[in-house]
N, C-alpha and C. Protein backbone atom coordinates (compact mmCIF):
# COMPACT_ATOMS: atom_id res chain seq x y z
N VAL A 1 0.85 -1.17 0.00
CA VAL A 1 0.00 0.00 0.00
C VAL A 1 0.89 1.22 0.00
N ASN A 2 0.56 2.17 -0.86
CA ASN A 2 1.32 3.41 -0.96
C ASN A 2 0.37 4.59 -0.94
N ALA A 3 0.86 5.71 -0.45
CA ALA A 3 0.15 6.98 -0.55
C ALA A 3 1.14 7.97 -1.15
N PHE A 4 0.79 8.52 -2.29
CA PHE A 4 1.65 9.48 -2.96
C PHE A 4 1.17 10.88 -2.63
N LEU A 5 2.06 11.67 -2.02
CA LEU A 5 1.73 13.01 -1.57
C LEU A 5 2.51 14.04 -2.35
N PRO A 6 1.98 15.19 -2.56
CA PRO A 6 0.55 15.47 -2.63
C PRO A 6 0.04 15.25 -4.03
N VAL A 7 -1.26 15.23 -4.17
CA VAL A 7 -1.89 15.22 -5.48
C VAL A 7 -1.74 16.64 -6.03
N PRO A 8 -1.33 16.81 -7.30
CA PRO A 8 -1.16 18.17 -7.84
C PRO A 8 -2.39 19.04 -7.61
N ASP A 9 -2.14 20.24 -7.15
CA ASP A 9 -3.18 21.24 -6.88
C ASP A 9 -4.11 20.89 -5.73
N GLU A 10 -3.79 19.84 -4.98
CA GLU A 10 -4.61 19.45 -3.83
C GLU A 10 -3.68 19.09 -2.67
N PRO A 11 -3.26 20.09 -1.87
CA PRO A 11 -2.28 19.83 -0.82
C PRO A 11 -2.75 18.89 0.29
N LEU A 12 -4.06 18.71 0.46
CA LEU A 12 -4.57 17.82 1.51
C LEU A 12 -5.10 16.52 0.92
N ALA A 13 -4.49 16.10 -0.20
CA ALA A 13 -4.93 14.88 -0.88
C ALA A 13 -3.73 13.96 -1.11
N ALA A 14 -4.03 12.67 -1.22
CA ALA A 14 -3.00 11.67 -1.53
C ALA A 14 -3.59 10.66 -2.51
N GLU A 15 -2.73 10.15 -3.38
CA GLU A 15 -3.14 9.08 -4.28
C GLU A 15 -2.80 7.75 -3.61
N VAL A 16 -3.78 6.85 -3.56
CA VAL A 16 -3.63 5.57 -2.87
C VAL A 16 -3.43 4.47 -3.90
N ASP A 17 -2.50 3.57 -3.60
CA ASP A 17 -2.20 2.45 -4.48
C ASP A 17 -2.03 1.20 -3.62
N VAL A 18 -2.58 0.09 -4.06
CA VAL A 18 -2.45 -1.15 -3.31
C VAL A 18 -2.17 -2.30 -4.28
N MET A 19 -1.27 -3.20 -3.87
CA MET A 19 -1.01 -4.39 -4.68
C MET A 19 -0.71 -5.54 -3.73
N VAL A 20 -1.50 -6.59 -3.82
CA VAL A 20 -1.31 -7.79 -3.01
C VAL A 20 -1.36 -8.97 -3.97
N PRO A 21 -0.28 -9.22 -4.72
CA PRO A 21 -0.34 -10.20 -5.80
C PRO A 21 -0.55 -11.65 -5.39
N GLU A 22 0.02 -12.09 -4.28
CA GLU A 22 -0.05 -13.51 -3.94
C GLU A 22 -1.08 -13.82 -2.86
N ARG A 23 -1.71 -12.82 -2.31
CA ARG A 23 -2.65 -13.02 -1.20
C ARG A 23 -4.01 -12.41 -1.48
N ARG A 24 -4.46 -12.53 -2.69
CA ARG A 24 -5.73 -11.92 -3.07
C ARG A 24 -6.92 -12.61 -2.42
N ARG A 25 -7.97 -11.81 -2.24
CA ARG A 25 -9.26 -12.28 -1.73
C ARG A 25 -9.20 -12.85 -0.31
N ARG A 26 -8.28 -12.31 0.49
CA ARG A 26 -8.19 -12.72 1.89
C ARG A 26 -8.42 -11.55 2.83
N GLY A 27 -8.66 -10.37 2.26
CA GLY A 27 -8.92 -9.20 3.08
C GLY A 27 -7.70 -8.37 3.42
N PHE A 28 -6.51 -8.80 3.00
CA PHE A 28 -5.30 -8.05 3.33
C PHE A 28 -5.28 -6.68 2.68
N GLY A 29 -5.68 -6.62 1.42
CA GLY A 29 -5.67 -5.33 0.70
C GLY A 29 -6.63 -4.34 1.34
N GLY A 30 -7.83 -4.79 1.64
CA GLY A 30 -8.83 -3.91 2.25
C GLY A 30 -8.37 -3.40 3.60
N GLU A 31 -7.81 -4.29 4.41
CA GLU A 31 -7.33 -3.89 5.73
C GLU A 31 -6.18 -2.90 5.61
N ALA A 32 -5.27 -3.15 4.69
CA ALA A 32 -4.13 -2.26 4.51
C ALA A 32 -4.59 -0.87 4.06
N VAL A 33 -5.54 -0.82 3.13
CA VAL A 33 -6.05 0.48 2.66
C VAL A 33 -6.77 1.19 3.80
N ARG A 34 -7.60 0.48 4.57
CA ARG A 34 -8.28 1.10 5.71
C ARG A 34 -7.29 1.73 6.69
N LEU A 35 -6.24 1.02 7.01
CA LEU A 35 -5.22 1.55 7.93
C LEU A 35 -4.53 2.77 7.34
N LEU A 36 -4.21 2.71 6.06
CA LEU A 36 -3.57 3.84 5.40
C LEU A 36 -4.48 5.07 5.41
N LEU A 37 -5.76 4.87 5.09
CA LEU A 37 -6.70 5.99 5.09
C LEU A 37 -6.85 6.58 6.49
N ARG A 38 -6.93 5.71 7.46
CA ARG A 38 -7.08 6.21 8.83
C ARG A 38 -5.85 7.00 9.26
N TYR A 39 -4.67 6.48 8.99
CA TYR A 39 -3.45 7.18 9.33
C TYR A 39 -3.38 8.52 8.58
N GLY A 40 -3.74 8.49 7.31
CA GLY A 40 -3.73 9.72 6.51
C GLY A 40 -4.65 10.78 7.08
N ARG A 41 -5.82 10.36 7.52
CA ARG A 41 -6.78 11.32 8.07
C ARG A 41 -6.39 11.80 9.46
N GLU A 42 -6.04 10.86 10.34
CA GLU A 42 -5.81 11.22 11.74
C GLU A 42 -4.42 11.78 12.00
N ALA A 43 -3.40 11.26 11.35
CA ALA A 43 -2.04 11.71 11.64
C ALA A 43 -1.55 12.78 10.66
N LEU A 44 -1.92 12.65 9.39
CA LEU A 44 -1.46 13.59 8.38
C LEU A 44 -2.49 14.67 8.04
N HIS A 45 -3.70 14.52 8.57
CA HIS A 45 -4.79 15.48 8.36
C HIS A 45 -5.16 15.64 6.88
N LEU A 46 -5.09 14.55 6.14
CA LEU A 46 -5.50 14.57 4.74
C LEU A 46 -7.01 14.54 4.65
N GLU A 47 -7.54 15.14 3.61
CA GLU A 47 -8.99 15.22 3.44
C GLU A 47 -9.50 14.39 2.27
N THR A 48 -8.66 14.15 1.28
CA THR A 48 -9.10 13.46 0.07
C THR A 48 -8.10 12.39 -0.32
N PHE A 49 -8.64 11.25 -0.76
CA PHE A 49 -7.80 10.17 -1.27
C PHE A 49 -8.28 9.83 -2.67
N VAL A 50 -7.33 9.59 -3.56
CA VAL A 50 -7.62 9.32 -4.96
C VAL A 50 -7.05 7.95 -5.31
N ALA A 51 -7.81 7.14 -6.02
CA ALA A 51 -7.33 5.85 -6.52
C ALA A 51 -7.54 5.82 -8.02
N LYS A 52 -6.52 5.38 -8.76
CA LYS A 52 -6.61 5.23 -10.21
C LYS A 52 -6.45 3.74 -10.51
N ILE A 53 -7.51 3.17 -11.08
CA ILE A 53 -7.58 1.71 -11.24
C ILE A 53 -7.92 1.36 -12.68
N ALA A 54 -7.24 0.38 -13.23
CA ALA A 54 -7.53 -0.10 -14.57
C ALA A 54 -9.00 -0.51 -14.65
N SER A 55 -9.66 -0.13 -15.72
CA SER A 55 -11.11 -0.36 -15.81
C SER A 55 -11.50 -1.83 -15.77
N GLU A 56 -10.60 -2.74 -16.14
CA GLU A 56 -10.93 -4.17 -16.12
C GLU A 56 -10.62 -4.82 -14.77
N ASN A 57 -10.07 -4.07 -13.82
CA ASN A 57 -9.72 -4.62 -12.52
C ASN A 57 -10.93 -4.55 -11.58
N ALA A 58 -11.86 -5.47 -11.80
CA ALA A 58 -13.13 -5.47 -11.07
C ALA A 58 -12.94 -5.64 -9.57
N ALA A 59 -11.97 -6.45 -9.15
CA ALA A 59 -11.76 -6.68 -7.72
C ALA A 59 -11.33 -5.40 -7.01
N SER A 60 -10.41 -4.65 -7.60
CA SER A 60 -9.97 -3.40 -6.98
C SER A 60 -11.06 -2.34 -7.00
N LEU A 61 -11.80 -2.28 -8.08
CA LEU A 61 -12.92 -1.31 -8.15
C LEU A 61 -13.94 -1.62 -7.06
N LYS A 62 -14.22 -2.90 -6.86
CA LYS A 62 -15.16 -3.31 -5.82
C LYS A 62 -14.62 -2.99 -4.43
N LEU A 63 -13.34 -3.25 -4.21
CA LEU A 63 -12.71 -2.97 -2.91
C LEU A 63 -12.84 -1.49 -2.57
N PHE A 64 -12.43 -0.62 -3.48
CA PHE A 64 -12.46 0.81 -3.19
C PHE A 64 -13.89 1.33 -3.06
N ALA A 65 -14.81 0.79 -3.83
CA ALA A 65 -16.23 1.17 -3.67
C ALA A 65 -16.73 0.79 -2.29
N SER A 66 -16.31 -0.37 -1.79
CA SER A 66 -16.75 -0.81 -0.46
C SER A 66 -16.20 0.09 0.65
N LEU A 67 -15.15 0.83 0.34
CA LEU A 67 -14.54 1.75 1.31
C LEU A 67 -15.07 3.17 1.15
N GLY A 68 -16.10 3.33 0.34
CA GLY A 68 -16.72 4.65 0.20
C GLY A 68 -16.17 5.50 -0.92
N PHE A 69 -15.27 4.97 -1.72
CA PHE A 69 -14.76 5.72 -2.86
C PHE A 69 -15.83 5.80 -3.94
N GLU A 70 -15.89 6.94 -4.59
CA GLU A 70 -16.86 7.14 -5.66
C GLU A 70 -16.14 7.45 -6.96
N ARG A 71 -16.68 6.92 -8.05
CA ARG A 71 -16.09 7.15 -9.37
C ARG A 71 -16.24 8.62 -9.75
N THR A 72 -15.13 9.24 -10.13
CA THR A 72 -15.16 10.66 -10.49
C THR A 72 -14.69 10.94 -11.90
N ASN A 73 -13.97 9.98 -12.52
CA ASN A 73 -13.44 10.25 -13.85
C ASN A 73 -13.04 8.94 -14.52
N TYR A 74 -13.01 8.97 -15.84
CA TYR A 74 -12.48 7.87 -16.64
C TYR A 74 -11.47 8.46 -17.62
N VAL A 75 -10.26 7.91 -17.65
CA VAL A 75 -9.22 8.38 -18.55
C VAL A 75 -9.06 7.35 -19.65
N GLU A 76 -9.60 7.66 -20.81
CA GLU A 76 -9.61 6.72 -21.92
C GLU A 76 -8.20 6.35 -22.37
N ALA A 77 -7.28 7.31 -22.37
CA ALA A 77 -5.91 7.06 -22.84
C ALA A 77 -5.23 5.95 -22.04
N PHE A 78 -5.55 5.84 -20.75
CA PHE A 78 -4.96 4.81 -19.90
C PHE A 78 -5.94 3.71 -19.55
N ASP A 79 -7.18 3.84 -20.00
CA ASP A 79 -8.26 2.90 -19.69
C ASP A 79 -8.33 2.68 -18.18
N GLU A 80 -8.35 3.80 -17.43
CA GLU A 80 -8.43 3.69 -15.98
C GLU A 80 -9.52 4.59 -15.42
N VAL A 81 -10.02 4.14 -14.29
CA VAL A 81 -11.09 4.84 -13.58
C VAL A 81 -10.47 5.56 -12.39
N GLU A 82 -10.89 6.81 -12.18
CA GLU A 82 -10.45 7.54 -11.01
C GLU A 82 -11.58 7.53 -9.99
N LEU A 83 -11.24 7.15 -8.76
CA LEU A 83 -12.21 7.15 -7.67
C LEU A 83 -11.67 8.05 -6.57
N ARG A 84 -12.59 8.66 -5.79
CA ARG A 84 -12.20 9.55 -4.71
C ARG A 84 -12.98 9.26 -3.44
N SER A 85 -12.31 9.54 -2.34
CA SER A 85 -12.93 9.47 -1.02
C SER A 85 -12.58 10.76 -0.31
N THR A 86 -13.54 11.33 0.38
CA THR A 86 -13.27 12.55 1.14
C THR A 86 -13.45 12.27 2.62
N SER A 87 -13.05 13.22 3.43
CA SER A 87 -13.14 13.04 4.88
C SER A 87 -14.58 12.96 5.35
N ILE A 88 -15.52 13.34 4.51
CA ILE A 88 -16.94 13.27 4.86
C ILE A 88 -17.41 11.82 4.90
N ILE A 89 -16.85 10.98 4.02
CA ILE A 89 -17.26 9.59 3.91
C ILE A 89 -16.73 8.81 5.11
N LYS A 90 -17.60 8.05 5.74
CA LYS A 90 -17.22 7.22 6.89
C LYS A 90 -16.66 5.90 6.39
N ILE A 91 -15.52 5.53 6.92
CA ILE A 91 -14.87 4.28 6.54
C ILE A 91 -15.09 3.27 7.66
N PRO A 92 -15.46 2.03 7.34
CA PRO A 92 -15.66 1.02 8.38
C PRO A 92 -14.32 0.56 8.95
N TRP A 93 -13.89 1.18 10.04
CA TRP A 93 -12.61 0.82 10.65
C TRP A 93 -12.69 -0.57 11.27
N THR A 94 -11.66 -1.35 11.09
CA THR A 94 -11.58 -2.63 11.78
C THR A 94 -10.67 -2.51 13.00
N VAL A 95 -9.79 -1.52 12.99
CA VAL A 95 -8.93 -1.23 14.13
C VAL A 95 -9.51 -0.01 14.82
N GLN A 96 -9.76 -0.10 16.09
CA GLN A 96 -10.43 1.00 16.79
C GLN A 96 -9.51 2.13 17.19
N SER A 97 -8.21 1.86 17.30
CA SER A 97 -7.27 2.92 17.63
C SER A 97 -5.88 2.50 17.20
N PHE A 98 -4.99 3.47 17.09
CA PHE A 98 -3.60 3.18 16.81
C PHE A 98 -2.76 4.23 17.49
N ASP A 99 -1.54 3.87 17.83
CA ASP A 99 -0.62 4.82 18.43
C ASP A 99 0.34 5.31 17.34
N MET A 100 0.51 6.63 17.32
CA MET A 100 1.44 7.20 16.34
C MET A 100 2.85 7.08 16.87
N ALA A 101 3.78 6.79 15.99
CA ALA A 101 5.19 6.74 16.37
C ALA A 101 5.67 8.15 16.68
N PRO A 102 6.59 8.30 17.60
CA PRO A 102 7.08 9.65 17.94
C PRO A 102 7.83 10.29 16.80
């Protein structure tokens, strides 16, 4: 899981990327993204997260939709869908708290 900071012209936004090639469909990707989003919101005070996903990647599109991301754009040149989540959207946390490193 990666968060690329900042998104051009959006200082409180990050682009989210996840890849779990050998452990698919076990919940690892969803949990990792949830933790990243929570850390981004609570520790980094980010407001928006952006995901760019290949249009044929149904599993990733479903994962991000389940986390409250909404489709905002389609880029035909790359055949990818852009999805966004804002701080207004509630994410179903599986971890109730975390301690930030000093």
